[in-house]
Amino acid sequence: MNIAQIEADALSLPVDDRASLAHRLLLSLEEISESEFDDLWGDVSAQRAAEVDAGLVQVVPGDEVARKARALLR
């Protein structure tokens, strides 16, 4: 089973089960060391930078994101 299949299966669960699974997955991250956590964020950062460099994602300025978030909270 690959990540895509696990994700598809998880997303097909009822909302309460998805919330429980998400909570358990987040708690599992607390069990890793700080250096492992830093390595994971480094990997994610490198992947995001590569996506930006390749033109695969659109960069949105932080102030615009904050403005839209505030509008959603109103």
Protein backbone atom coordinates (compact mmCIF):
# COMPACT_ATOMS: atom_id res chain seq x y z
CA MET A 1 0.00 0.00 0.00
CA ASN A 2 1.36 3.44 -0.90
CA ILE A 3 0.78 6.89 0.58
CA ALA A 4 -1.76 7.84 -2.10
CA GLN A 5 -3.88 4.78 -1.29
CA ILE A 6 -3.63 5.40 2.45
CA GLU A 7 -4.67 9.01 1.91
CA ALA A 8 -7.63 7.99 -0.28
CA ASP A 9 -8.73 5.43 2.31
CA ALA A 10 -8.38 7.94 5.15
CA LEU A 11 -10.35 10.60 3.29
CA SER A 12 -13.20 8.17 2.74
CA LEU A 13 -13.65 7.71 6.51
CA PRO A 14 -16.46 9.47 8.40
CA VAL A 15 -15.47 12.87 9.76
CA ASP A 16 -15.15 11.66 13.39
CA ASP A 17 -12.80 8.86 12.33
CA ARG A 18 -10.73 11.26 10.21
CA ALA A 19 -10.42 13.65 13.13
CA SER A 20 -9.35 10.83 15.43
CA LEU A 21 -6.80 9.59 12.91
CA ALA A 22 -5.44 13.11 12.37
CA HIS A 23 -5.09 13.57 16.12
CA ARG A 24 -3.25 10.27 16.49
CA LEU A 25 -0.92 11.11 13.60
CA LEU A 26 -0.12 14.53 15.08
CA LEU A 27 0.59 12.97 18.46
CA SER A 28 2.95 10.52 16.79
CA LEU A 29 5.08 13.47 15.64
CA GLU A 30 5.77 14.34 19.25
CA GLU A 31 7.65 11.06 19.54
CA ILE A 32 10.42 12.09 17.16
CA SER A 33 13.57 13.85 18.24
CA GLU A 34 14.17 17.52 17.60
CA SER A 35 16.85 16.72 15.03
CA GLU A 36 14.47 14.35 13.20
CA PHE A 37 11.82 17.07 13.24
CA ASP A 38 14.32 19.60 11.86
CA ASP A 39 15.33 17.15 9.12
CA LEU A 40 11.69 16.61 8.14
CA TRP A 41 11.06 20.36 7.91
CA GLY A 42 14.26 20.73 5.92
CA ASP A 43 13.00 18.12 3.46
CA VAL A 44 9.64 19.88 3.16
CA SER A 45 11.35 23.25 2.68
CA ALA A 46 13.58 21.87 -0.07
CA GLN A 47 10.58 20.28 -1.80
CA ARG A 48 8.58 23.53 -1.63
CA ALA A 49 11.52 25.55 -2.96
CA ALA A 50 11.92 23.13 -5.86
CA GLU A 51 8.20 23.45 -6.66
CA VAL A 52 8.49 27.26 -6.69
CA ASP A 53 11.63 27.15 -8.84
CA ALA A 54 9.93 24.79 -11.30
CA GLY A 55 6.89 27.06 -11.53
CA LEU A 56 4.60 24.33 -10.19
CA VAL A 57 3.09 26.51 -7.48
CA GLN A 58 2.09 30.14 -7.22
CA VAL A 59 3.76 32.24 -4.54
CA VAL A 60 1.33 34.34 -2.49
CA PRO A 61 2.65 37.25 -0.39
CA GLY A 62 2.20 36.78 3.36
CA ASP A 63 0.19 39.98 3.79
CA GLU A 64 -2.32 38.76 1.20
CA VAL A 65 -2.65 35.41 2.96
CA ALA A 66 -3.20 37.20 6.29
CA ARG A 67 -5.82 39.50 4.75
CA LYS A 68 -7.74 36.55 3.29
CA ALA A 69 -7.52 34.64 6.56
CA ARG A 70 -8.90 37.61 8.51
CA ALA A 71 -11.75 37.93 5.99
CA LEU A 72 -12.64 34.27 6.46
CA LEU A 73 -12.81 34.72 10.23
CA ARG A 74 -15.34 37.55 10.01
